[in-house]
C-alpha cells in the first residue's frame, strides 16, 4: 500500500500541480510565490510514504514493539482520514501538508523517545526549511500542536507498554516503571 501511495504522490505531487493548487486557493498569491512554495512543499509531500514506511517498520523493532504499534496507529488514522484539519477533498495536495507534517514530526519524536531503535531511518527527513514552510502554511498554532501530539503520543505509548514487555527494551533504564505500591496501599487502608 505504501508503494502505491508513493507512486501516486510521485505522479500527483509535482511542483507544477502544487503551484496551480496554491494559486487556486489564493488568487492574490503571485505565480513566483506559488512556485517557490511548491518547490519546497512538493518534496515534503512526496516523502510522506517513506516516513510512514519507517514508522510501520519501527513498530516491529524489538526496542519499540507494542508501544510504537500503538502510537503509529494514531498517526496512520490521522493520515488516512480525508476529513482532517486540511481536507483532501477541498485541496488534494495542500490537504496533505498537515498529514506530512504530522508524520515527519512523529518520526522525529520516536527517535527522541526510543533512542535504542535499531530500525534504519530509511528515508531522508525534510530539512528544517521545509518544516518551517509547512508550519507557516498551516493555521496558527497547528504545527506546534502536531509536534506536541507526536511527543505526547510517543511518551504515553512508551509508558503504557514498557512494563513486562521484552519488545519495549525493558533493559533500558528509561523505560523501567516505578510502581507506587506504597501510595496505592495508603488509599486502601
Protein backbone atom coordinates (compact mmCIF):
# COMPACT_ATOMS: atom_id res chain seq x y z
CA UNK A 1 0.00 0.00 0.00
CA UNK A 2 2.80 2.40 0.83
CA UNK A 3 4.31 1.72 -2.58
CA UNK A 4 1.01 2.68 -4.22
CA UNK A 5 0.87 5.88 -2.18
CA UNK A 6 4.46 6.65 -3.10
CA UNK A 7 3.77 6.07 -6.79
CA UNK A 8 0.62 8.21 -6.65
CA UNK A 9 2.38 11.09 -4.91
CA UNK A 10 5.33 10.89 -7.30
CA UNK A 11 2.91 11.49 -10.14
CA UNK A 12 0.45 13.87 -8.46
CA UNK A 13 2.55 15.93 -6.01
CA UNK A 14 4.56 17.76 -8.65
CA UNK A 15 5.77 21.28 -8.22
CA UNK A 16 3.56 22.41 -11.13
CA UNK A 17 0.42 20.78 -9.75
CA UNK A 18 1.00 22.13 -6.25
CA UNK A 19 1.75 25.65 -7.53
CA UNK A 20 -1.50 25.59 -9.50
CA UNK A 21 -3.46 24.39 -6.45
CA UNK A 22 -1.90 27.05 -4.23
CA UNK A 23 -2.75 29.75 -6.79
CA UNK A 24 -6.31 28.49 -6.95
CA UNK A 25 -6.65 28.75 -3.18
CA UNK A 26 -5.40 32.35 -3.12
CA UNK A 27 -5.81 34.31 -6.35
CA UNK A 28 -3.69 37.09 -4.79
CA UNK A 29 -0.68 34.81 -4.50
CA UNK A 30 1.84 35.67 -7.19
CA UNK A 31 2.94 32.95 -9.59
CA UNK A 32 6.59 33.16 -8.41
CA UNK A 33 5.47 32.89 -4.76
CA UNK A 34 3.25 29.89 -5.53
CA UNK A 35 6.11 28.25 -7.40
CA UNK A 36 8.60 28.93 -4.59
CA UNK A 37 6.21 27.39 -2.05
CA UNK A 38 5.60 24.39 -4.30
CA UNK A 39 9.34 23.87 -4.80
CA UNK A 40 9.69 23.37 -1.04
CA UNK A 41 6.40 21.64 -0.25
CA UNK A 42 6.16 19.11 -3.11
CA UNK A 43 9.23 17.12 -1.94
CA UNK A 44 7.90 17.41 1.63
CA UNK A 45 4.70 15.68 0.48
CA UNK A 46 6.48 13.08 -1.66
CA UNK A 47 8.48 11.84 1.35
CA UNK A 48 5.29 11.14 3.33
CA UNK A 49 5.16 7.46 2.23
CA UNK A 50 8.79 6.94 3.21
CA UNK A 51 8.11 8.33 6.69
CA UNK A 52 5.03 6.10 7.00
CA UNK A 53 7.06 3.07 5.90
CA UNK A 54 9.67 3.86 8.53
CA UNK A 55 7.01 4.25 11.24
CA UNK A 56 5.46 0.89 10.37
CA UNK A 57 8.89 -0.77 10.35
CA UNK A 58 9.79 0.85 13.68
CA UNK A 59 6.63 -0.64 15.19
CA UNK A 60 8.25 -4.03 14.54
CA UNK A 61 11.58 -3.02 16.10
CA UNK A 62 12.30 -5.04 19.26
CA UNK A 63 13.07 -1.82 21.14
CA UNK A 64 9.74 -0.22 20.31
CA UNK A 65 7.33 -3.06 19.82
CA UNK A 66 3.76 -2.65 21.01
CA UNK A 67 4.40 0.90 22.19
CA UNK A 68 5.24 2.06 18.69
CA UNK A 69 2.46 -0.01 17.16
CA UNK A 70 0.05 1.85 19.45
CA UNK A 71 1.47 5.28 18.61
CA UNK A 72 1.84 4.57 14.89
CA UNK A 73 -1.80 3.54 14.73
CA UNK A 74 -2.81 7.02 15.87
CA UNK A 75 -0.69 8.64 13.17
CA UNK A 76 -1.99 6.30 10.48
CA UNK A 77 -5.57 7.05 11.49
CA UNK A 78 -4.99 10.77 11.07
CA UNK A 79 -3.24 10.35 7.72
CA UNK A 80 -5.97 8.20 6.17
CA UNK A 81 -8.79 10.42 7.44
CA UNK A 82 -9.86 12.53 4.45
CA UNK A 83 -11.77 14.88 6.74
CA UNK A 84 -8.92 16.01 8.97
CA UNK A 85 -7.70 19.56 9.56
CA UNK A 86 -6.98 20.19 5.86
CA UNK A 87 -9.44 18.00 3.95
CA UNK A 88 -8.01 16.43 0.84
CA UNK A 89 -11.47 16.74 -0.77
CA UNK A 90 -11.08 20.53 -0.77
CA UNK A 91 -7.45 20.72 -1.91
CA UNK A 92 -5.92 17.30 -2.67
CA UNK A 93 -2.27 18.30 -2.34
CA UNK A 94 -2.46 21.13 0.19
CA UNK A 95 -4.70 18.82 2.19
CA UNK A 96 -1.73 16.51 2.66
CA UNK A 97 0.51 19.16 4.25
CA UNK A 98 -0.84 18.53 7.76
CA UNK A 99 -0.58 14.76 7.22
CA UNK A 100 3.03 15.03 6.07
CA UNK A 101 3.89 17.45 8.87
CA UNK A 102 2.42 15.12 11.49
CA UNK A 103 4.16 12.05 10.07
CA UNK A 104 7.59 13.66 9.76
CA UNK A 105 7.25 15.14 13.26
CA UNK A 106 6.22 11.71 14.55
CA UNK A 107 9.37 10.07 13.17
CA UNK A 108 11.46 12.75 14.91
CA UNK A 109 9.55 12.23 18.19
CA UNK A 110 10.06 8.47 18.01
CA UNK A 111 13.80 8.95 17.59
CA UNK A 112 13.85 11.10 20.72
CA UNK A 113 11.65 8.79 22.80
CA UNK A 114 13.18 5.49 21.68
CA UNK A 115 16.92 6.05 21.33
CA UNK A 116 17.60 2.31 21.25
CA UNK A 117 15.72 1.66 18.00
CA UNK A 118 17.62 -0.42 15.51
CA UNK A 119 15.32 0.43 12.58
CA UNK A 120 17.39 2.26 9.97
CA UNK A 121 15.93 5.64 9.10
CA UNK A 122 15.23 4.51 5.54
CA UNK A 123 14.31 7.91 4.23
CA UNK A 124 15.74 11.38 4.13
CA UNK A 125 13.73 13.57 6.52
CA UNK A 126 12.81 17.01 5.24
CA UNK A 127 15.18 19.81 6.09
CA UNK A 128 14.27 22.47 8.64
CA UNK A 129 13.29 24.92 5.91
CA UNK A 130 10.62 22.52 4.63
CA UNK A 131 9.26 22.09 8.16
CA UNK A 132 9.23 25.86 8.62
CA UNK A 133 7.42 26.49 5.32
CA UNK A 134 4.84 23.78 6.05
CA UNK A 135 4.32 25.18 9.56
CA UNK A 136 3.86 28.68 8.16
CA UNK A 137 1.21 27.40 5.74
CA UNK A 138 -0.82 25.68 8.45
CA UNK A 139 -3.27 27.71 10.56
CA UNK A 140 -1.62 29.47 13.52
CA UNK A 141 -0.63 27.10 16.31
CA UNK A 142 -1.37 23.91 14.38
CA UNK A 143 2.25 22.91 13.70
CA UNK A 144 3.13 23.29 17.36
CA UNK A 145 0.06 21.27 18.32
CA UNK A 146 1.01 18.49 15.92
CA UNK A 147 4.52 18.33 17.37
CA UNK A 148 3.12 18.23 20.93
CA UNK A 149 0.74 15.47 19.84
CA UNK A 150 3.61 13.40 18.46
CA UNK A 151 5.70 13.91 21.57
CA UNK A 152 2.90 13.09 24.00
CA UNK A 153 1.72 10.08 21.96
CA UNK A 154 5.19 8.53 21.94
CA UNK A 155 5.71 9.27 25.64
CA UNK A 156 2.33 7.79 26.57
CA UNK A 157 2.93 4.73 24.42
CA UNK A 158 6.36 4.25 25.95
CA UNK A 159 4.96 4.44 29.47
CA UNK A 160 1.93 2.22 28.80
CA UNK A 161 3.78 -0.60 27.14
CA UNK A 162 7.13 -0.60 28.93
CA UNK A 163 6.37 -2.92 31.83
CA UNK A 164 6.76 -6.60 31.21
CA UNK A 165 7.48 -6.20 27.54
CA UNK A 166 10.70 -7.61 26.23
CA UNK A 167 9.83 -5.82 22.99
CA UNK A 168 9.83 -2.42 24.69
CA UNK A 169 13.53 -2.57 25.55
CA UNK A 170 12.94 -3.17 29.26
CA UNK A 171 16.70 -3.29 29.86
CA UNK A 172 16.73 0.41 29.06
CA UNK A 173 16.51 2.23 32.44
CA UNK A 174 14.47 4.98 30.80
CA UNK A 175 11.54 2.60 30.39
CA UNK A 176 11.58 0.95 33.82
CA UNK A 177 8.30 1.61 35.57
CA UNK A 178 8.36 2.93 39.09
CA UNK A 179 5.25 1.39 40.61
CA UNK A 180 3.90 3.36 43.55
CA UNK A 181 2.74 0.45 45.68
CA UNK A 182 3.05 2.31 48.98
CA UNK A 183 0.91 5.20 47.67
CA UNK A 184 -1.75 2.79 46.42
CA UNK A 185 -1.72 0.83 49.69
CA UNK A 186 -2.36 4.05 51.65
CA UNK A 187 -5.54 4.62 49.66
CA UNK A 188 -7.00 1.23 50.61
CA UNK A 189 -6.20 1.45 54.24
